[in-house]
C-alpha atoms as a PDB file:
ATOM      1  CA  MET A   1     -16.068   6.674 -40.108  1.00  0.00           C
ATOM      2  CA  PRO A   2     -19.223   5.028 -41.476  1.00  0.00           C
ATOM      3  CA  SER A   3     -22.370   5.587 -39.470  1.00  0.00           C
ATOM      4  CA  GLY A   4     -22.941   1.825 -39.124  1.00  0.00           C
ATOM      5  CA  TYR A   5     -19.545   1.199 -37.507  1.00  0.00           C
ATOM      6  CA  VAL A   6     -19.644  -0.744 -34.221  1.00  0.00           C
ATOM      7  CA  ASP A   7     -16.396  -1.136 -32.299  1.00  0.00           C
ATOM      8  CA  ARG A   8     -15.860  -4.635 -30.946  1.00  0.00           C
ATOM      9  CA  GLY A   9     -13.836  -3.198 -28.049  1.00  0.00           C
ATOM     10  CA  ILE A  10     -11.844  -5.739 -26.084  1.00  0.00           C
ATOM     11  CA  ILE A  11     -13.310  -8.683 -28.008  1.00  0.00           C
ATOM     12  CA  LYS A  12     -10.877  -8.131 -30.863  1.00  0.00           C
ATOM     13  CA  TRP A  13      -7.963  -8.795 -28.458  1.00  0.00           C
ATOM     14  CA  ALA A  14      -9.432 -11.989 -26.975  1.00  0.00           C
ATOM     15  CA  PRO A  15      -7.255 -14.349 -29.117  1.00  0.00           C
ATOM     16  CA  PHE A  16      -4.135 -13.050 -27.346  1.00  0.00           C
ATOM     17  CA  ASP A  17      -5.480 -14.431 -24.089  1.00  0.00           C
ATOM     18  CA  ALA A  18      -5.398 -17.906 -25.633  1.00  0.00           C
ATOM     19  CA  LEU A  19      -1.605 -17.801 -25.997  1.00  0.00           C
ATOM     20  CA  VAL A  20       0.065 -19.881 -23.289  1.00  0.00           C
ATOM     21  CA  GLY A  21       1.425 -17.706 -20.496  1.00  0.00           C
ATOM     22  CA  TYR A  22       0.487 -14.410 -22.168  1.00  0.00           C
ATOM     23  CA  GLY A  23      -2.163 -13.466 -19.596  1.00  0.00           C
ATOM     24  CA  ALA A  24       0.110 -14.303 -16.668  1.00  0.00           C
ATOM     25  CA  MET A  25       2.952 -12.342 -18.250  1.00  0.00           C
ATOM     26  CA  ILE A  26       0.740  -9.239 -18.671  1.00  0.00           C
ATOM     27  CA  ARG A  27      -0.449  -9.453 -15.044  1.00  0.00           C
ATOM     28  CA  GLU A  28       3.146  -9.792 -13.795  1.00  0.00           C
ATOM     29  CA  LEU A  29       4.242  -6.850 -15.935  1.00  0.00           C
ATOM     30  CA  LYS A  30       1.456  -4.663 -14.529  1.00  0.00           C
ATOM     31  CA  LEU A  31       2.529  -5.613 -10.988  1.00  0.00           C
ATOM     32  CA  ARG A  32       6.188  -4.791 -11.683  1.00  0.00           C
ATOM     33  CA  LEU A  33       5.327  -1.462 -13.314  1.00  0.00           C
ATOM     34  CA  GLY A  34       3.292  -0.474 -10.232  1.00  0.00           C
ATOM     35  CA  LYS A  35       6.228  -0.946  -7.883  1.00  0.00           C
ATOM     36  CA  ARG A  36       8.086   2.068  -6.601  1.00  0.00           C
ATOM     37  CA  ASP A  37      11.047   2.878  -4.416  1.00  0.00           C
ATOM     38  CA  LYS A  38      10.541   3.483  -0.727  1.00  0.00           C
ATOM     39  CA  PRO A  39       9.987   7.188  -0.020  1.00  0.00           C
ATOM     40  CA  VAL A  40      12.797   8.833   1.946  1.00  0.00           C
ATOM     41  CA  LEU A  41      11.575  10.775   4.985  1.00  0.00           C
ATOM     42  CA  SER A  42      13.404  13.677   6.576  1.00  0.00           C
ATOM     43  CA  ASP A  43      14.260  13.854  10.271  1.00  0.00           C
ATOM     44  CA  ASP A  44      11.409  16.332  10.807  1.00  0.00           C
ATOM     45  CA  GLN A  45       8.940  13.903   9.228  1.00  0.00           C
ATOM     46  CA  PHE A  46      10.174  11.110  11.539  1.00  0.00           C
ATOM     47  CA  VAL A  47       9.689  13.352  14.578  1.00  0.00           C
ATOM     48  CA  GLU A  48       6.162  14.271  13.446  1.00  0.00           C
ATOM     49  CA  LEU A  49       5.270  10.591  12.812  1.00  0.00           C
ATOM     50  CA  ASN A  50       6.570   9.694  16.277  1.00  0.00           C
ATOM     51  CA  GLN A  51       4.446  12.428  17.885  1.00  0.00           C
ATOM     52  CA  ARG A  52       1.312  11.306  16.005  1.00  0.00           C
ATOM     53  CA  LEU A  53       2.005   7.691  16.917  1.00  0.00           C
ATOM     54  CA  HIS A  54       2.307   8.408  20.635  1.00  0.00           C
ATOM     55  CA  MET A  55      -0.681  10.774  20.604  1.00  0.00           C
ATOM     56  CA  ALA A  56      -2.857   8.104  18.979  1.00  0.00           C
ATOM     57  CA  PHE A  57      -1.598   5.478  21.446  1.00  0.00           C
ATOM     58  CA  TYR A  58      -2.324   7.516  24.573  1.00  0.00           C
ATOM     59  CA  GLN A  59      -5.688   8.814  23.299  1.00  0.00           C
ATOM     60  CA  GLU A  60      -6.636   5.308  22.095  1.00  0.00           C
ATOM     61  CA  SER A  61      -7.931   6.781  18.852  1.00  0.00           C
ATOM     62  CA  GLU A  62      -8.476   4.983  15.558  1.00  0.00           C
ATOM     63  CA  ILE A  63      -5.852   5.821  12.947  1.00  0.00           C
ATOM     64  CA  SER A  64      -4.950   5.016   9.365  1.00  0.00           C
ATOM     65  CA  ILE A  65      -1.338   4.127   8.674  1.00  0.00           C
ATOM     66  CA  THR A  66       0.249   4.220   5.237  1.00  0.00           C
ATOM     67  CA  TYR A  67       3.236   1.892   5.025  1.00  0.00           C
ATOM     68  CA  TYR A  68       5.695   0.552   2.459  1.00  0.00           C
ATOM     69  CA  ASP A  69       5.514  -3.165   1.647  1.00  0.00           C
ATOM     70  CA  GLN A  70       7.648  -4.804  -1.071  1.00  0.00           C
ATOM     71  CA  GLY A  71       7.426  -1.957  -3.563  1.00  0.00           C
ATOM     72  CA  TYR A  72       3.881  -0.812  -2.829  1.00  0.00           C
ATOM     73  CA  LEU A  73       2.276   1.730  -0.503  1.00  0.00           C
ATOM     74  CA  LYS A  74      -0.518   0.148   1.521  1.00  0.00           C
ATOM     75  CA  THR A  75      -2.946   1.526   4.102  1.00  0.00           C
ATOM     76  CA  THR A  76      -4.397  -0.116   7.180  1.00  0.00           C
ATOM     77  CA  PHE A  77      -6.742   1.066   9.928  1.00  0.00           C
ATOM     78  CA  GLY A  78      -7.044   0.325  13.634  1.00  0.00           C
ATOM     79  CA  LYS A  79      -6.127   1.288  17.166  1.00  0.00           C
ATOM     80  CA  ILE A  80      -2.606   0.917  18.463  1.00  0.00           C
ATOM     81  CA  LYS A  81      -2.472  -2.036  20.816  1.00  0.00           C
ATOM     82  CA  LYS A  82       1.250  -1.959  21.555  1.00  0.00           C
ATOM     83  CA  ILE A  83       4.416  -0.096  20.566  1.00  0.00           C
ATOM     84  CA  ASP A  84       7.433  -2.407  20.843  1.00  0.00           C
ATOM     85  CA  THR A  85      10.465  -0.091  20.938  1.00  0.00           C
ATOM     86  CA  VAL A  86      12.969  -2.948  21.156  1.00  0.00           C
ATOM     87  CA  ALA A  87      11.768  -4.814  18.050  1.00  0.00           C
ATOM     88  CA  LYS A  88      10.603  -1.523  16.427  1.00  0.00           C
ATOM     89  CA  VAL A  89       7.160  -2.970  15.730  1.00  0.00           C
ATOM     90  CA  ILE A  90       3.707  -1.384  15.978  1.00  0.00           C
ATOM     91  CA  ILE A  91       0.834  -3.758  16.786  1.00  0.00           C
ATOM     92  CA  LEU A  92      -2.641  -2.631  15.772  1.00  0.00           C
ATOM     93  CA  THR A  93      -6.037  -4.099  16.543  1.00  0.00           C
ATOM     94  CA  PRO A  94      -7.127  -6.346  14.949  1.00  0.00           C
ATOM     95  CA  PHE A  95      -3.927  -8.348  14.426  1.00  0.00           C
ATOM     96  CA  ALA A  96      -1.919  -6.008  12.179  1.00  0.00           C
ATOM     97  CA  ARG A  97       1.824  -5.930  12.842  1.00  0.00           C
ATOM     98  CA  LEU A  98       3.937  -3.240  11.150  1.00  0.00           C
ATOM     99  CA  ASN A  99       7.637  -2.501  11.207  1.00  0.00           C
ATOM    100  CA  ALA A 100       8.093   1.057  12.428  1.00  0.00           C
ATOM    101  CA  ILE A 101      10.703   1.772   9.712  1.00  0.00           C
ATOM    102  CA  ASP A 102       8.126   1.005   6.982  1.00  0.00           C
ATOM    103  CA  ILE A 103       5.576   3.598   8.169  1.00  0.00           C
ATOM    104  CA  ILE A 104       5.223   6.518   5.754  1.00  0.00           C
ATOM    105  CA  ASP A 105       2.219   8.423   7.139  1.00  0.00           C
ATOM    106  CA  ILE A 106      -0.180   8.389  10.095  1.00  0.00           C
ATOM    107  CA  ASN A 107      -3.604  10.063  10.002  1.00  0.00           C
ATOM    108  CA  LEU A 108      -5.625  10.555  13.185  1.00  0.00           C
END
């Protein structure tokens, strides 16, 4: 490599961004490649999540919940405002509403 060599980095790929739809296609591909299947939890893990959920509710402590949403794992924070056992929904403050079946992990 000559000592005067200067890499143009990403600039050399800039013309590809001018192609119609190429940028959108790359962004969509990155999104699809990041998707994953929903993790399968064992019965013991469900029991432990239920215990943590009720402990956080009765102690009114702030928690972080990791949940599955359309192929991605997301995390939210808050206090549990209500546990709806009929609709199987957890309502957090402020205004987060999660399906209980989508919850993967709870950290106190």
